[in-house]
Protein backbone atom coordinates (compact mmCIF):
# COMPACT_ATOMS: atom_id res chain seq x y z
CA MET A 1 1.38 2.25 -12.91
CA ASN A 2 4.92 0.84 -12.92
CA THR A 3 5.36 -2.91 -12.52
CA LEU A 4 8.63 -4.60 -11.66
CA LYS A 5 9.04 -8.18 -12.87
CA LEU A 6 11.75 -10.26 -11.19
CA LYS A 7 12.78 -13.56 -12.80
CA PHE A 8 14.29 -16.41 -10.79
CA LYS A 9 15.58 -19.91 -11.48
CA LEU A 10 14.33 -22.55 -9.05
CA LYS A 11 16.32 -25.50 -7.69
CA ASP A 12 14.39 -27.79 -10.09
CA ASN A 13 15.64 -25.64 -13.04
CA LYS A 14 12.22 -24.13 -13.75
CA GLN A 15 11.85 -20.37 -13.96
CA LYS A 16 9.42 -18.21 -12.04
CA THR A 17 8.57 -14.53 -12.40
CA ILE A 18 7.06 -12.36 -9.69
CA SER A 19 5.49 -8.96 -10.26
CA ILE A 20 5.47 -5.98 -7.90
CA LYS A 21 3.12 -3.10 -8.69
CA ASN A 22 3.72 0.60 -8.04
CA VAL A 23 7.50 0.48 -7.92
CA LYS A 24 9.27 3.71 -7.01
CA LYS A 25 10.15 5.68 -10.11
CA THR A 26 13.53 6.44 -8.53
CA ALA A 27 14.52 2.76 -8.21
CA THR A 28 17.89 2.22 -9.90
CA GLN A 29 19.20 -0.90 -11.64
CA GLU A 30 21.47 -1.41 -8.63
CA ASP A 31 18.43 -1.27 -6.28
CA ILE A 32 16.59 -3.84 -8.38
CA LYS A 33 19.59 -6.17 -8.62
CA ALA A 34 20.09 -5.92 -4.85
CA LEU A 35 16.43 -6.80 -4.25
CA GLY A 36 16.60 -9.84 -6.56
CA ALA A 37 19.84 -11.02 -4.97
CA TYR A 38 18.42 -10.55 -1.46
CA ILE A 39 15.30 -12.59 -2.25
CA SER A 40 17.42 -15.32 -3.84
CA ASN A 41 20.21 -15.44 -1.24
CA ASN A 42 17.79 -15.55 1.69
CA SER A 43 15.37 -18.12 0.23
CA MET A 44 12.51 -15.65 0.65
CA LEU A 45 10.17 -17.55 -1.71
CA ASN A 46 9.42 -21.12 -2.60
CA TYR A 47 6.97 -22.71 -5.00
CA ASP A 48 5.43 -26.04 -4.04
CA GLY A 49 8.38 -26.64 -1.70
CA VAL A 50 11.01 -25.77 -4.32
CA LYS A 51 13.38 -22.95 -3.32
CA ILE A 52 14.89 -20.25 -5.50
CA ASP A 53 18.34 -21.08 -6.85
CA SER A 54 19.32 -17.79 -8.47
CA PHE A 55 18.16 -14.37 -9.63
CA LEU A 56 18.08 -14.15 -13.44
CA GLY A 57 17.08 -10.56 -14.07
CA ALA A 58 14.37 -7.94 -13.97
CA LYS A 59 12.51 -5.37 -15.99
CA ILE A 60 10.17 -2.49 -15.26
CA GLY A 61 7.13 -2.03 -17.43
CA ARG A 62 4.09 0.13 -17.45
CA ALA A 63 0.87 -1.71 -16.71
CA VAL A 64 -2.43 -0.37 -17.95
CA GLN A 65 -5.34 -0.90 -15.60
CA GLN A 66 -8.69 -1.55 -17.23
CA GLU A 67 -11.99 -0.88 -15.56
């Protein structure tokens, strides 16, 4: 299972990472950067009332599911 981790800087200078499971294997770096920028530019998320300031980066990893 592929997992995309997007890292953002919040307006209070803290950092937050979100994870998205089962990312398309055909997603390009440009697709991922566009997604991070879209989330950041449109204030799609906030944490305890603090909005995202900027998109810092992303990585795709392989998660192992345990039963």
